[in-house]
């Protein structure tokens, strides 16, 4: 028996599928921009900090009750101190990657890092 593995249009379909996969791969791995920390207090944006440009220590003291101290240095940002009992925001540690978030609920203060390069893709 003479069985052909490829039919006439199979090569064209494979070529189109490979081209589409290549285009999608390049599109999904493009740079998303420099990481930016967005600090919100009570749902309103207080300040944005471009983390890639931060080398020296920056201290931010939002007017909150209880008091919180936010520090940015060497491309990272974190809650350094908080006047609340549990201090979970301080325990969150240093934030630097897209999607990193730390929250101080009693002070209604949120730090969210946005816009850095993707480190993983899930399909």
PDB file of N, CA and C in Angstrom:
ATOM      1  N   UNK A   1       0.820  -1.183   0.000  1.00  0.00           N
ATOM      2  CA  UNK A   1       0.000   0.000   0.000  1.00  0.00           C
ATOM      3  C   UNK A   1       0.863   1.245   0.000  1.00  0.00           C
ATOM      4  N   UNK A   2       0.466   2.184  -0.770  1.00  0.00           N
ATOM      5  CA  UNK A   2       1.182   3.439  -0.865  1.00  0.00           C
ATOM      6  C   UNK A   2       0.370   4.514  -0.126  1.00  0.00           C
ATOM      7  N   UNK A   3       0.752   4.823   1.131  1.00  0.00           N
ATOM      8  CA  UNK A   3       0.038   5.806   1.944  1.00  0.00           C
ATOM      9  C   UNK A   3       0.889   7.070   2.021  1.00  0.00           C
ATOM     10  N   UNK A   4       0.269   8.197   1.679  1.00  0.00           N
ATOM     11  CA  UNK A   4       0.959   9.476   1.770  1.00  0.00           C
ATOM     12  C   UNK A   4       0.757  10.057   3.166  1.00  0.00           C
ATOM     13  N   UNK A   5       1.862  10.484   3.781  1.00  0.00           N
ATOM     14  CA  UNK A   5       1.769  11.090   5.099  1.00  0.00           C
ATOM     15  C   UNK A   5       1.239  12.517   5.024  1.00  0.00           C
ATOM     16  N   UNK A   6       1.609  13.242   4.005  1.00  0.00           N
ATOM     17  CA  UNK A   6       1.166  14.620   3.859  1.00  0.00           C
ATOM     18  C   UNK A   6       0.316  14.760   2.617  1.00  0.00           C
ATOM     19  N   UNK A   7      -0.779  15.465   2.782  1.00  0.00           N
ATOM     20  CA  UNK A   7      -1.609  15.790   1.640  1.00  0.00           C
ATOM     21  C   UNK A   7      -1.145  17.123   1.086  1.00  0.00           C
ATOM     22  N   UNK A   8      -1.789  17.560   0.036  1.00  0.00           N
ATOM     23  CA  UNK A   8      -1.378  18.748  -0.688  1.00  0.00           C
ATOM     24  C   UNK A   8      -1.297  20.008   0.190  1.00  0.00           C
ATOM     25  N   UNK A   9      -2.287  20.261   1.016  1.00  0.00           N
ATOM     26  CA  UNK A   9      -2.365  21.495   1.786  1.00  0.00           C
ATOM     27  C   UNK A   9      -1.787  21.372   3.204  1.00  0.00           C
ATOM     28  N   UNK A  10      -1.336  20.217   3.596  1.00  0.00           N
ATOM     29  CA  UNK A  10      -0.797  20.035   4.953  1.00  0.00           C
ATOM     30  C   UNK A  10       0.405  20.930   5.225  1.00  0.00           C
ATOM     31  N   UNK A  11       1.301  21.055   4.286  1.00  0.00           N
ATOM     32  CA  UNK A  11       2.485  21.904   4.464  1.00  0.00           C
ATOM     33  C   UNK A  11       2.084  23.364   4.659  1.00  0.00           C
ATOM     34  N   UNK A  12       1.072  23.826   3.924  1.00  0.00           N
ATOM     35  CA  UNK A  12       0.613  25.208   4.059  1.00  0.00           C
ATOM     36  C   UNK A  12      -0.020  25.430   5.435  1.00  0.00           C
ATOM     37  N   UNK A  13      -0.812  24.487   5.899  1.00  0.00           N
ATOM     38  CA  UNK A  13      -1.446  24.608   7.213  1.00  0.00           C
ATOM     39  C   UNK A  13      -0.387  24.630   8.315  1.00  0.00           C
ATOM     40  N   UNK A  14       0.624  23.774   8.199  1.00  0.00           N
ATOM     41  CA  UNK A  14       1.698  23.731   9.192  1.00  0.00           C
ATOM     42  C   UNK A  14       2.476  25.045   9.186  1.00  0.00           C
ATOM     43  N   UNK A  15       2.764  25.585   8.014  1.00  0.00           N
ATOM     44  CA  UNK A  15       3.497  26.846   7.919  1.00  0.00           C
ATOM     45  C   UNK A  15       2.713  27.996   8.541  1.00  0.00           C
ATOM     46  N   UNK A  16       1.408  28.057   8.295  1.00  0.00           N
ATOM     47  CA  UNK A  16       0.570  29.112   8.872  1.00  0.00           C
ATOM     48  C   UNK A  16       0.511  28.963  10.393  1.00  0.00           C
ATOM     49  N   UNK A  17       0.377  27.738  10.895  1.00  0.00           N
ATOM     50  CA  UNK A  17       0.331  27.505  12.334  1.00  0.00           C
ATOM     51  C   UNK A  17       1.644  27.910  13.003  1.00  0.00           C
ATOM     52  N   UNK A  18       2.772  27.576  12.393  1.00  0.00           N
ATOM     53  CA  UNK A  18       4.068  27.969  12.949  1.00  0.00           C
ATOM     54  C   UNK A  18       4.255  29.481  12.938  1.00  0.00           C
ATOM     55  N   UNK A  19       3.823  30.136  11.863  1.00  0.00           N
ATOM     56  CA  UNK A  19       3.927  31.595  11.791  1.00  0.00           C
ATOM     57  C   UNK A  19       3.059  32.257  12.868  1.00  0.00           C
ATOM     58  N   UNK A  20       1.852  31.741  13.052  1.00  0.00           N
ATOM     59  CA  UNK A  20       0.967  32.288  14.081  1.00  0.00           C
ATOM     60  C   UNK A  20       1.562  32.083  15.472  1.00  0.00           C
ATOM     61  N   UNK A  21       2.145  30.925  15.727  1.00  0.00           N
ATOM     62  CA  UNK A  21       2.771  30.647  17.020  1.00  0.00           C
ATOM     63  C   UNK A  21       3.948  31.579  17.267  1.00  0.00           C
ATOM     64  N   UNK A  22       4.738  31.847  16.241  1.00  0.00           N
ATOM     65  CA  UNK A  22       5.881  32.744  16.368  1.00  0.00           C
ATOM     66  C   UNK A  22       5.417  34.166  16.668  1.00  0.00           C
ATOM     67  N   UNK A  23       4.428  34.641  15.951  1.00  0.00           N
ATOM     68  CA  UNK A  23       3.898  35.990  16.173  1.00  0.00           C
ATOM     69  C   UNK A  23       3.324  36.116  17.577  1.00  0.00           C
ATOM     70  N   UNK A  24       2.555  35.142  18.024  1.00  0.00           N
ATOM     71  CA  UNK A  24       1.972  35.179  19.363  1.00  0.00           C
ATOM     72  C   UNK A  24       3.059  35.151  20.425  1.00  0.00           C
ATOM     73  N   UNK A  25       4.085  34.344  20.211  1.00  0.00           N
ATOM     74  CA  UNK A  25       5.187  34.249  21.175  1.00  0.00           C
ATOM     75  C   UNK A  25       5.909  35.583  21.306  1.00  0.00           C
ATOM     76  N   UNK A  26       6.201  36.217  20.186  1.00  0.00           N
ATOM     77  CA  UNK A  26       6.869  37.516  20.232  1.00  0.00           C
ATOM     78  C   UNK A  26       5.987  38.566  20.882  1.00  0.00           C
ATOM     79  N   UNK A  27       4.708  38.557  20.594  1.00  0.00           N
ATOM     80  CA  UNK A  27       3.768  39.520  21.163  1.00  0.00           C
ATOM     81  C   UNK A  27       3.637  39.337  22.668  1.00  0.00           C
ATOM     82  N   UNK A  28       3.549  38.102  23.138  1.00  0.00           N
ATOM     83  CA  UNK A  28       3.320  37.861  24.564  1.00  0.00           C
ATOM     84  C   UNK A  28       4.564  38.083  25.406  1.00  0.00           C
ATOM     85  N   UNK A  29       5.745  38.094  24.792  1.00  0.00           N
ATOM     86  CA  UNK A  29       6.970  38.292  25.549  1.00  0.00           C
ATOM     87  C   UNK A  29       7.575  39.677  25.369  1.00  0.00           C
ATOM     88  N   UNK A  30       6.824  40.598  24.808  1.00  0.00           N
ATOM     89  CA  UNK A  30       7.354  41.943  24.628  1.00  0.00           C
ATOM     90  C   UNK A  30       7.487  42.623  25.991  1.00  0.00           C
ATOM     91  N   UNK A  31       8.307  43.619  26.051  1.00  0.00           N
ATOM     92  CA  UNK A  31       8.543  44.305  27.318  1.00  0.00           C
ATOM     93  C   UNK A  31       7.301  45.091  27.717  1.00  0.00           C
ATOM     94  N   UNK A  32       6.947  45.014  28.958  1.00  0.00           N
ATOM     95  CA  UNK A  32       5.751  45.675  29.472  1.00  0.00           C
ATOM     96  C   UNK A  32       6.055  47.063  30.031  1.00  0.00           C
ATOM     97  N   UNK A  33       7.312  47.450  30.138  1.00  0.00           N
ATOM     98  CA  UNK A  33       7.666  48.744  30.678  1.00  0.00           C
ATOM     99  C   UNK A  33       8.315  48.601  32.039  1.00  0.00           C
ATOM    100  N   UNK A  34       8.819  49.718  32.504  1.00  0.00           N
ATOM    101  CA  UNK A  34       9.499  49.730  33.798  1.00  0.00           C
ATOM    102  C   UNK A  34       8.490  49.520  34.921  1.00  0.00           C
ATOM    103  N   UNK A  35       8.902  48.820  35.982  1.00  0.00           N
ATOM    104  CA  UNK A  35       7.981  48.607  37.096  1.00  0.00           C
ATOM    105  C   UNK A  35       7.664  49.924  37.814  1.00  0.00           C
ATOM    106  N   UNK A  36       6.384  50.131  38.076  1.00  0.00           N
ATOM    107  CA  UNK A  36       5.919  51.338  38.748  1.00  0.00           C
ATOM    108  C   UNK A  36       5.108  50.922  39.972  1.00  0.00           C
ATOM    109  N   UNK A  37       5.467  51.481  41.120  1.00  0.00           N
ATOM    110  CA  UNK A  37       4.710  51.222  42.346  1.00  0.00           C
ATOM    111  C   UNK A  37       3.635  52.289  42.480  1.00  0.00           C
ATOM    112  N   UNK A  38       2.406  51.840  42.687  1.00  0.00           N
ATOM    113  CA  UNK A  38       1.287  52.754  42.869  1.00  0.00           C
ATOM    114  C   UNK A  38       0.859  52.660  44.326  1.00  0.00           C
ATOM    115  N   UNK A  39       0.898  53.786  45.030  1.00  0.00           N
ATOM    116  CA  UNK A  39       0.509  53.839  46.435  1.00  0.00           C
ATOM    117  C   UNK A  39      -0.850  54.505  46.518  1.00  0.00           C
ATOM    118  N   UNK A  40      -1.822  53.781  47.061  1.00  0.00           N
ATOM    119  CA  UNK A  40      -3.164  54.340  47.228  1.00  0.00           C
ATOM    120  C   UNK A  40      -3.521  54.380  48.703  1.00  0.00           C
ATOM    121  N   UNK A  41      -4.217  55.433  49.078  1.00  0.00           N
ATOM    122  CA  UNK A  41      -4.702  55.591  50.445  1.00  0.00           C
ATOM    123  C   UNK A  41      -6.196  55.888  50.353  1.00  0.00           C
ATOM    124  N   UNK A  42      -7.000  55.041  50.970  1.00  0.00           N
ATOM    125  CA  UNK A  42      -8.443  55.228  50.925  1.00  0.00           C
ATOM    126  C   UNK A  42      -9.005  55.121  49.523  1.00  0.00           C
ATOM    127  N   UNK A  43      -8.351  54.359  48.654  1.00  0.00           N
ATOM    128  CA  UNK A  43      -8.827  54.160  47.291  1.00  0.00           C
ATOM    129  C   UNK A  43      -8.371  55.213  46.307  1.00  0.00           C
ATOM    130  N   UNK A  44      -7.671  56.250  46.755  1.00  0.00           N
ATOM    131  CA  UNK A  44      -7.186  57.309  45.881  1.00  0.00           C
ATOM    132  C   UNK A  44      -5.668  57.204  45.738  1.00  0.00           C
ATOM    133  N   UNK A  45      -5.180  57.410  44.524  1.00  0.00           N
ATOM    134  CA  UNK A  45      -3.742  57.320  44.275  1.00  0.00           C
ATOM    135  C   UNK A  45      -3.037  58.488  44.971  1.00  0.00           C
ATOM    136  N   UNK A  46      -2.108  58.138  45.852  1.00  0.00           N
ATOM    137  CA  UNK A  46      -1.327  59.136  46.571  1.00  0.00           C
ATOM    138  C   UNK A  46      -0.065  59.482  45.796  1.00  0.00           C
ATOM    139  N   UNK A  47       0.610  58.427  45.291  1.00  0.00           N
ATOM    140  CA  UNK A  47       1.883  58.634  44.616  1.00  0.00           C
ATOM    141  C   UNK A  47       2.215  57.429  43.750  1.00  0.00           C
ATOM    142  N   UNK A  48       2.967  57.687  42.683  1.00  0.00           N
ATOM    143  CA  UNK A  48       3.521  56.599  41.875  1.00  0.00           C
ATOM    144  C   UNK A  48       5.041  56.746  41.889  1.00  0.00           C
ATOM    145  N   UNK A  49       5.712  55.603  41.967  1.00  0.00           N
ATOM    146  CA  UNK A  49       7.172  55.598  42.035  1.00  0.00           C
ATOM    147  C   UNK A  49       7.689  54.654  40.962  1.00  0.00           C
ATOM    148  N   UNK A  50       8.510  55.182  40.028  1.00  0.00           N
ATOM    149  CA  UNK A  50       9.127  54.333  39.009  1.00  0.00           C
ATOM    150  C   UNK A  50      10.319  53.639  39.659  1.00  0.00           C
ATOM    151  N   UNK A  51      10.162  52.346  39.932  1.00  0.00           N
ATOM    152  CA  UNK A  51      11.147  51.617  40.722  1.00  0.00           C
ATOM    153  C   UNK A  51      12.503  51.495  40.052  1.00  0.00           C
ATOM    154  N   UNK A  52      12.548  51.414  38.727  1.00  0.00           N
ATOM    155  CA  UNK A  52      13.836  51.253  38.049  1.00  0.00           C
ATOM    156  C   UNK A  52      14.716  52.487  38.174  1.00  0.00           C
ATOM    157  N   UNK A  53      14.123  53.636  38.469  1.00  0.00           N
ATOM    158  CA  UNK A  53      14.917  54.858  38.598  1.00  0.00           C
ATOM    159  C   UNK A  53      15.268  55.181  40.050  1.00  0.00           C
ATOM    160  N   UNK A  54      14.797  54.384  40.995  1.00  0.00           N
ATOM    161  CA  UNK A  54      15.062  54.638  42.408  1.00  0.00           C
ATOM    162  C   UNK A  54      16.350  53.933  42.822  1.00  0.00           C
ATOM    163  N   UNK A  55      17.344  54.713  43.190  1.00  0.00           N
ATOM    164  CA  UNK A  55      18.589  54.138  43.711  1.00  0.00           C
ATOM    165  C   UNK A  55      18.795  54.587  45.155  1.00  0.00           C
ATOM    166  N   UNK A  56      18.569  55.869  45.414  1.00  0.00           N
ATOM    167  CA  UNK A  56      18.683  56.387  46.774  1.00  0.00           C
ATOM    168  C   UNK A  56      17.397  56.119  47.546  1.00  0.00           C
ATOM    169  N   UNK A  57      17.499  56.135  48.845  1.00  0.00           N
ATOM    170  CA  UNK A  57      16.362  55.854  49.726  1.00  0.00           C
ATOM    171  C   UNK A  57      15.338  56.988  49.670  1.00  0.00           C
ATOM    172  N   UNK A  58      14.083  56.608  49.416  1.00  0.00           N
ATOM    173  CA  UNK A  58      12.959  57.544  49.428  1.00  0.00           C
ATOM    174  C   UNK A  58      12.015  57.086  50.532  1.00  0.00           C
ATOM    175  N   UNK A  59      11.632  58.003  51.403  1.00  0.00           N
ATOM    176  CA  UNK A  59      10.696  57.684  52.484  1.00  0.00           C
ATOM    177  C   UNK A  59       9.393  58.428  52.240  1.00  0.00           C
ATOM    178  N   UNK A  60       8.285  57.694  52.309  1.00  0.00           N
ATOM    179  CA  UNK A  60       6.960  58.270  52.091  1.00  0.00           C
ATOM    180  C   UNK A  60       6.155  58.058  53.367  1.00  0.00           C
ATOM    181  N   UNK A  61       5.612  59.152  53.904  1.00  0.00           N
ATOM    182  CA  UNK A  61       4.814  59.109  55.130  1.00  0.00           C
ATOM    183  C   UNK A  61       3.402  59.604  54.834  1.00  0.00           C
ATOM    184  N   UNK A  62       2.522  58.697  54.360  1.00  0.00           N
ATOM    185  CA  UNK A  62       1.146  59.149  54.078  1.00  0.00           C
ATOM    186  C   UNK A  62       0.440  59.559  55.365  1.00  0.00           C
ATOM    187  N   UNK A  63      -0.511  60.473  55.234  1.00  0.00           N
ATOM    188  CA  UNK A  63      -1.290  60.939  56.381  1.00  0.00           C
ATOM    189  C   UNK A  63      -2.390  59.918  56.666  1.00  0.00           C
ATOM    190  N   UNK A  64      -2.059  58.896  57.458  1.00  0.00           N
ATOM    191  CA  UNK A  64      -3.014  57.825  57.760  1.00  0.00           C
ATOM    192  C   UNK A  64      -3.082  57.600  59.258  1.00  0.00           C
ATOM    193  N   UNK A  65      -4.127  56.946  59.687  1.00  0.00           N
ATOM    194  CA  UNK A  65      -4.267  56.540  61.088  1.00  0.00           C
ATOM    195  C   UNK A  65      -4.638  55.066  61.108  1.00  0.00           C
ATOM    196  N   UNK A  66      -3.780  54.199  61.555  1.00  0.00           N
ATOM    197  CA  UNK A  66      -2.466  54.399  62.163  1.00  0.00           C
ATOM    198  C   UNK A  66      -1.419  54.815  61.125  1.00  0.00           C
ATOM    199  N   UNK A  67      -0.309  55.346  61.621  1.00  0.00           N
ATOM    200  CA  UNK A  67       0.763  55.798  60.753  1.00  0.00           C
ATOM    201  C   UNK A  67       1.462  54.626  60.078  1.00  0.00           C
ATOM    202  N   UNK A  68       1.883  54.841  58.831  1.00  0.00           N
ATOM    203  CA  UNK A  68       2.709  53.868  58.121  1.00  0.00           C
ATOM    204  C   UNK A  68       3.897  54.613  57.512  1.00  0.00           C
ATOM    205  N   UNK A  69       5.001  53.908  57.363  1.00  0.00           N
ATOM    206  CA  UNK A  69       6.187  54.454  56.714  1.00  0.00           C
ATOM    207  C   UNK A  69       6.507  53.537  55.540  1.00  0.00           C
ATOM    208  N   UNK A  70       6.562  54.122  54.339  1.00  0.00           N
ATOM    209  CA  UNK A  70       6.851  53.374  53.119  1.00  0.00           C
ATOM    210  C   UNK A  70       8.233  53.813  52.626  1.00  0.00           C
ATOM    211  N   UNK A  71       9.056  52.836  52.260  1.00  0.00           N
ATOM    212  CA  UNK A  71      10.409  53.125  51.790  1.00  0.00           C
ATOM    213  C   UNK A  71      10.602  52.514  50.406  1.00  0.00           C
ATOM    214  N   UNK A  72      11.269  53.273  49.518  1.00  0.00           N
ATOM    215  CA  UNK A  72      11.672  52.772  48.204  1.00  0.00           C
ATOM    216  C   UNK A  72      13.177  52.959  48.083  1.00  0.00           C
ATOM    217  N   UNK A  73      13.850  51.900  47.619  1.00  0.00           N
ATOM    218  CA  UNK A  73      15.303  51.958  47.478  1.00  0.00           C
ATOM    219  C   UNK A  73      15.767  50.800  46.601  1.00  0.00           C
ATOM    220  N   UNK A  74      16.741  51.067  45.731  1.00  0.00           N
ATOM    221  CA  UNK A  74      17.343  50.040  44.873  1.00  0.00           C
ATOM    222  C   UNK A  74      16.316  49.233  44.079  1.00  0.00           C
ATOM    223  N   UNK A  75      15.308  49.893  43.545  1.00  0.00           N
ATOM    224  CA  UNK A  75      14.321  49.224  42.708  1.00  0.00           C
ATOM    225  C   UNK A  75      13.281  48.425  43.469  1.00  0.00           C
ATOM    226  N   UNK A  76      13.182  48.614  44.767  1.00  0.00           N
ATOM    227  CA  UNK A  76      12.197  47.900  45.597  1.00  0.00           C
ATOM    228  C   UNK A  76      11.438  48.899  46.458  1.00  0.00           C
ATOM    229  N   UNK A  77      10.253  48.488  46.894  1.00  0.00           N
ATOM    230  CA  UNK A  77       9.434  49.323  47.769  1.00  0.00           C
ATOM    231  C   UNK A  77       8.798  48.425  48.816  1.00  0.00           C
ATOM    232  N   UNK A  78       8.602  48.978  50.033  1.00  0.00           N
ATOM    233  CA  UNK A  78       8.041  48.157  51.111  1.00  0.00           C
ATOM    234  C   UNK A  78       7.516  49.043  52.242  1.00  0.00           C
ATOM    235  N   UNK A  79       6.667  48.442  53.080  1.00  0.00           N
ATOM    236  CA  UNK A  79       6.241  49.079  54.316  1.00  0.00           C
ATOM    237  C   UNK A  79       7.361  48.850  55.330  1.00  0.00           C
ATOM    238  N   UNK A  80       7.988  49.926  55.778  1.00  0.00           N
ATOM    239  CA  UNK A  80       9.068  49.770  56.754  1.00  0.00           C
ATOM    240  C   UNK A  80       8.523  49.699  58.178  1.00  0.00           C
ATOM    241  N   UNK A  81       7.459  50.443  58.433  1.00  0.00           N
ATOM    242  CA  UNK A  81       6.888  50.462  59.771  1.00  0.00           C
ATOM    243  C   UNK A  81       5.394  50.737  59.671  1.00  0.00           C
ATOM    244  N   UNK A  82       4.666  50.219  60.634  1.00  0.00           N
ATOM    245  CA  UNK A  82       3.217  50.449  60.684  1.00  0.00           C
ATOM    246  C   UNK A  82       2.784  50.502  62.143  1.00  0.00           C
ATOM    247  N   UNK A  83       1.847  51.394  62.424  1.00  0.00           N
ATOM    248  CA  UNK A  83       1.373  51.565  63.785  1.00  0.00           C
ATOM    249  C   UNK A  83       0.234  50.638  64.170  1.00  0.00           C
ATOM    250  N   UNK A  84      -0.100  49.686  63.323  1.00  0.00           N
ATOM    251  CA  UNK A  84      -1.186  48.754  63.634  1.00  0.00           C
ATOM    252  C   UNK A  84      -0.647  47.580  64.460  1.00  0.00           C
ATOM    253  N   UNK A  85      -1.550  46.759  64.972  1.00  0.00           N
ATOM    254  CA  UNK A  85      -1.151  45.651  65.859  1.00  0.00           C
ATOM    255  C   UNK A  85      -0.484  44.500  65.104  1.00  0.00           C
ATOM    256  N   UNK A  86      -1.062  44.068  64.005  1.00  0.00           N
ATOM    257  CA  UNK A  86      -0.575  42.843  63.359  1.00  0.00           C
ATOM    258  C   UNK A  86       0.642  43.052  62.452  1.00  0.00           C
ATOM    259  N   UNK A  87       0.827  44.247  61.891  1.00  0.00           N
ATOM    260  CA  UNK A  87       1.966  44.590  61.024  1.00  0.00           C
ATOM    261  C   UNK A  87       2.166  43.597  59.875  1.00  0.00           C
ATOM    262  N   UNK A  88       1.069  43.081  59.337  1.00  0.00           N
ATOM    263  CA  UNK A  88       1.155  42.165  58.193  1.00  0.00           C
ATOM    264  C   UNK A  88       1.734  42.849  56.961  1.00  0.00           C
ATOM    265  N   UNK A  89       1.493  44.139  56.823  1.00  0.00           N
ATOM    266  CA  UNK A  89       2.035  44.871  55.677  1.00  0.00           C
ATOM    267  C   UNK A  89       3.558  44.892  55.720  1.00  0.00           C
ATOM    268  N   UNK A  90       4.133  45.017  56.897  1.00  0.00           N
ATOM    269  CA  UNK A  90       5.587  44.991  57.047  1.00  0.00           C
ATOM    270  C   UNK A  90       6.115  43.594  56.731  1.00  0.00           C
ATOM    271  N   UNK A  91       5.378  42.582  57.147  1.00  0.00           N
ATOM    272  CA  UNK A  91       5.776  41.191  56.901  1.00  0.00           C
ATOM    273  C   UNK A  91       5.713  40.829  55.421  1.00  0.00           C
ATOM    274  N   UNK A  92       4.992  41.603  54.615  1.00  0.00           N
ATOM    275  CA  UNK A  92       4.904  41.324  53.172  1.00  0.00           C
ATOM    276  C   UNK A  92       6.259  41.458  52.498  1.00  0.00           C
ATOM    277  N   UNK A  93       7.165  42.223  53.080  1.00  0.00           N
ATOM    278  CA  UNK A  93       8.512  42.340  52.549  1.00  0.00           C
ATOM    279  C   UNK A  93       8.632  43.323  51.404  1.00  0.00           C
ATOM    280  N   UNK A  94       9.735  43.180  50.670  1.00  0.00           N
ATOM    281  CA  UNK A  94      10.058  44.108  49.598  1.00  0.00           C
ATOM    282  C   UNK A  94       9.366  43.696  48.297  1.00  0.00           C
ATOM    283  N   UNK A  95       8.816  44.686  47.607  1.00  0.00           N
ATOM    284  CA  UNK A  95       8.073  44.467  46.370  1.00  0.00           C
ATOM    285  C   UNK A  95       8.880  45.026  45.201  1.00  0.00           C
ATOM    286  N   UNK A  96       8.948  44.256  44.095  1.00  0.00           N
ATOM    287  CA  UNK A  96       9.687  44.750  42.935  1.00  0.00           C
ATOM    288  C   UNK A  96       9.141  44.241  41.604  1.00  0.00           C
ATOM    289  N   UNK A  97       8.327  43.206  41.607  1.00  0.00           N
ATOM    290  CA  UNK A  97       7.836  42.595  40.371  1.00  0.00           C
ATOM    291  C   UNK A  97       6.374  42.949  40.141  1.00  0.00           C
ATOM    292  N   UNK A  98       5.992  42.931  38.878  1.00  0.00           N
ATOM    293  CA  UNK A  98       4.608  43.195  38.514  1.00  0.00           C
ATOM    294  C   UNK A  98       3.679  42.238  39.245  1.00  0.00           C
ATOM    295  N   UNK A  99       2.649  42.785  39.853  1.00  0.00           N
ATOM    296  CA  UNK A  99       1.688  41.971  40.586  1.00  0.00           C
ATOM    297  C   UNK A  99       1.950  41.909  42.075  1.00  0.00           C
ATOM    298  N   UNK A 100       3.147  42.304  42.513  1.00  0.00           N
ATOM    299  CA  UNK A 100       3.433  42.333  43.951  1.00  0.00           C
ATOM    300  C   UNK A 100       2.531  43.361  44.616  1.00  0.00           C
ATOM    301  N   UNK A 101       1.976  42.988  45.777  1.00  0.00           N
ATOM    302  CA  UNK A 101       1.070  43.872  46.499  1.00  0.00           C
ATOM    303  C   UNK A 101       1.270  43.721  47.990  1.00  0.00           C
ATOM    304  N   UNK A 102       1.207  44.830  48.691  1.00  0.00           N
ATOM    305  CA  UNK A 102       1.206  44.828  50.154  1.00  0.00           C
ATOM    306  C   UNK A 102       0.104  45.781  50.606  1.00  0.00           C
ATOM    307  N   UNK A 103      -0.628  45.383  51.656  1.00  0.00           N
ATOM    308  CA  UNK A 103      -1.786  46.148  52.102  1.00  0.00           C
ATOM    309  C   UNK A 103      -1.737  46.336  53.606  1.00  0.00           C
ATOM    310  N   UNK A 104      -1.995  47.555  54.053  1.00  0.00           N
ATOM    311  CA  UNK A 104      -2.215  47.824  55.473  1.00  0.00           C
ATOM    312  C   UNK A 104      -3.692  48.187  55.608  1.00  0.00           C
ATOM    313  N   UNK A 105      -4.500  47.223  56.018  1.00  0.00           N
ATOM    314  CA  UNK A 105      -5.946  47.454  56.087  1.00  0.00           C
ATOM    315  C   UNK A 105      -6.337  48.525  57.090  1.00  0.00           C
ATOM    316  N   UNK A 106      -5.768  48.528  58.320  1.00  0.00           N
ATOM    317  CA  UNK A 106      -6.181  49.585  59.249  1.00  0.00           C
ATOM    318  C   UNK A 106      -5.889  50.994  58.725  1.00  0.00           C
ATOM    319  N   UNK A 107      -4.815  51.162  57.975  1.00  0.00           N
ATOM    320  CA  UNK A 107      -4.456  52.474  57.428  1.00  0.00           C
ATOM    321  C   UNK A 107      -5.053  52.714  56.040  1.00  0.00           C
ATOM    322  N   UNK A 108      -5.738  51.704  55.503  1.00  0.00           N
ATOM    323  CA  UNK A 108      -6.341  51.790  54.162  1.00  0.00           C
ATOM    324  C   UNK A 108      -5.304  52.173  53.101  1.00  0.00           C
ATOM    325  N   UNK A 109      -4.106  51.584  53.207  1.00  0.00           N
ATOM    326  CA  UNK A 109      -3.003  51.900  52.319  1.00  0.00           C
ATOM    327  C   UNK A 109      -2.587  50.656  51.545  1.00  0.00           C
ATOM    328  N   UNK A 110      -2.425  50.810  50.228  1.00  0.00           N
ATOM    329  CA  UNK A 110      -2.073  49.694  49.357  1.00  0.00           C
ATOM    330  C   UNK A 110      -0.883  50.102  48.490  1.00  0.00           C
ATOM    331  N   UNK A 111       0.087  49.193  48.379  1.00  0.00           N
ATOM    332  CA  UNK A 111       1.184  49.362  47.426  1.00  0.00           C
ATOM    333  C   UNK A 111       1.039  48.250  46.396  1.00  0.00           C
ATOM    334  N   UNK A 112       0.957  48.615  45.125  1.00  0.00           N
ATOM    335  CA  UNK A 112       0.855  47.638  44.041  1.00  0.00           C
ATOM    336  C   UNK A 112       1.923  47.954  43.003  1.00  0.00           C
ATOM    337  N   UNK A 113       2.653  46.926  42.570  1.00  0.00           N
ATOM    338  CA  UNK A 113       3.659  47.111  41.523  1.00  0.00           C
ATOM    339  C   UNK A 113       3.029  46.708  40.200  1.00  0.00           C
ATOM    340  N   UNK A 114       3.126  47.603  39.225  1.00  0.00           N
ATOM    341  CA  UNK A 114       2.541  47.380  37.904  1.00  0.00           C
ATOM    342  C   UNK A 114       3.592  47.570  36.826  1.00  0.00           C
ATOM    343  N   UNK A 115       3.375  46.927  35.688  1.00  0.00           N
ATOM    344  CA  UNK A 115       4.103  47.239  34.476  1.00  0.00           C
ATOM    345  C   UNK A 115       5.481  46.675  34.283  1.00  0.00           C
ATOM    346  N   UNK A 116       5.947  45.772  35.115  1.00  0.00           N
ATOM    347  CA  UNK A 116       7.264  45.222  34.836  1.00  0.00           C
ATOM    348  C   UNK A 116       7.146  44.094  33.829  1.00  0.00           C
ATOM    349  N   UNK A 117       8.264  43.611  33.375  1.00  0.00           N
ATOM    350  CA  UNK A 117       8.287  42.549  32.374  1.00  0.00           C
ATOM    351  C   UNK A 117       7.662  41.276  32.924  1.00  0.00           C
ATOM    352  N   UNK A 118       6.979  40.537  32.083  1.00  0.00           N
ATOM    353  CA  UNK A 118       6.338  39.290  32.484  1.00  0.00           C
ATOM    354  C   UNK A 118       7.408  38.269  32.820  1.00  0.00           C
ATOM    355  N   UNK A 119       7.265  37.564  33.958  1.00  0.00           N
ATOM    356  CA  UNK A 119       8.239  36.534  34.303  1.00  0.00           C
ATOM    357  C   UNK A 119       7.711  35.144  34.062  1.00  0.00           C
ATOM    358  N   UNK A 120       6.427  35.009  33.727  1.00  0.00           N
ATOM    359  CA  UNK A 120       5.857  33.710  33.399  1.00  0.00           C
ATOM    360  C   UNK A 120       4.584  33.928  32.577  1.00  0.00           C
ATOM    361  N   UNK A 121       4.301  33.012  31.697  1.00  0.00           N
ATOM    362  CA  UNK A 121       3.098  33.083  30.890  1.00  0.00           C
ATOM    363  C   UNK A 121       2.328  31.798  31.080  1.00  0.00           C
ATOM    364  N   UNK A 122       1.044  31.928  31.411  1.00  0.00           N
ATOM    365  CA  UNK A 122       0.192  30.755  31.604  1.00  0.00           C
ATOM    366  C   UNK A 122      -0.868  30.764  30.528  1.00  0.00           C
ATOM    367  N   UNK A 123      -1.044  29.628  29.893  1.00  0.00           N
ATOM    368  CA  UNK A 123      -2.043  29.521  28.836  1.00  0.00           C
ATOM    369  C   UNK A 123      -3.151  28.591  29.271  1.00  0.00           C
TER     370      UNK A 123
END
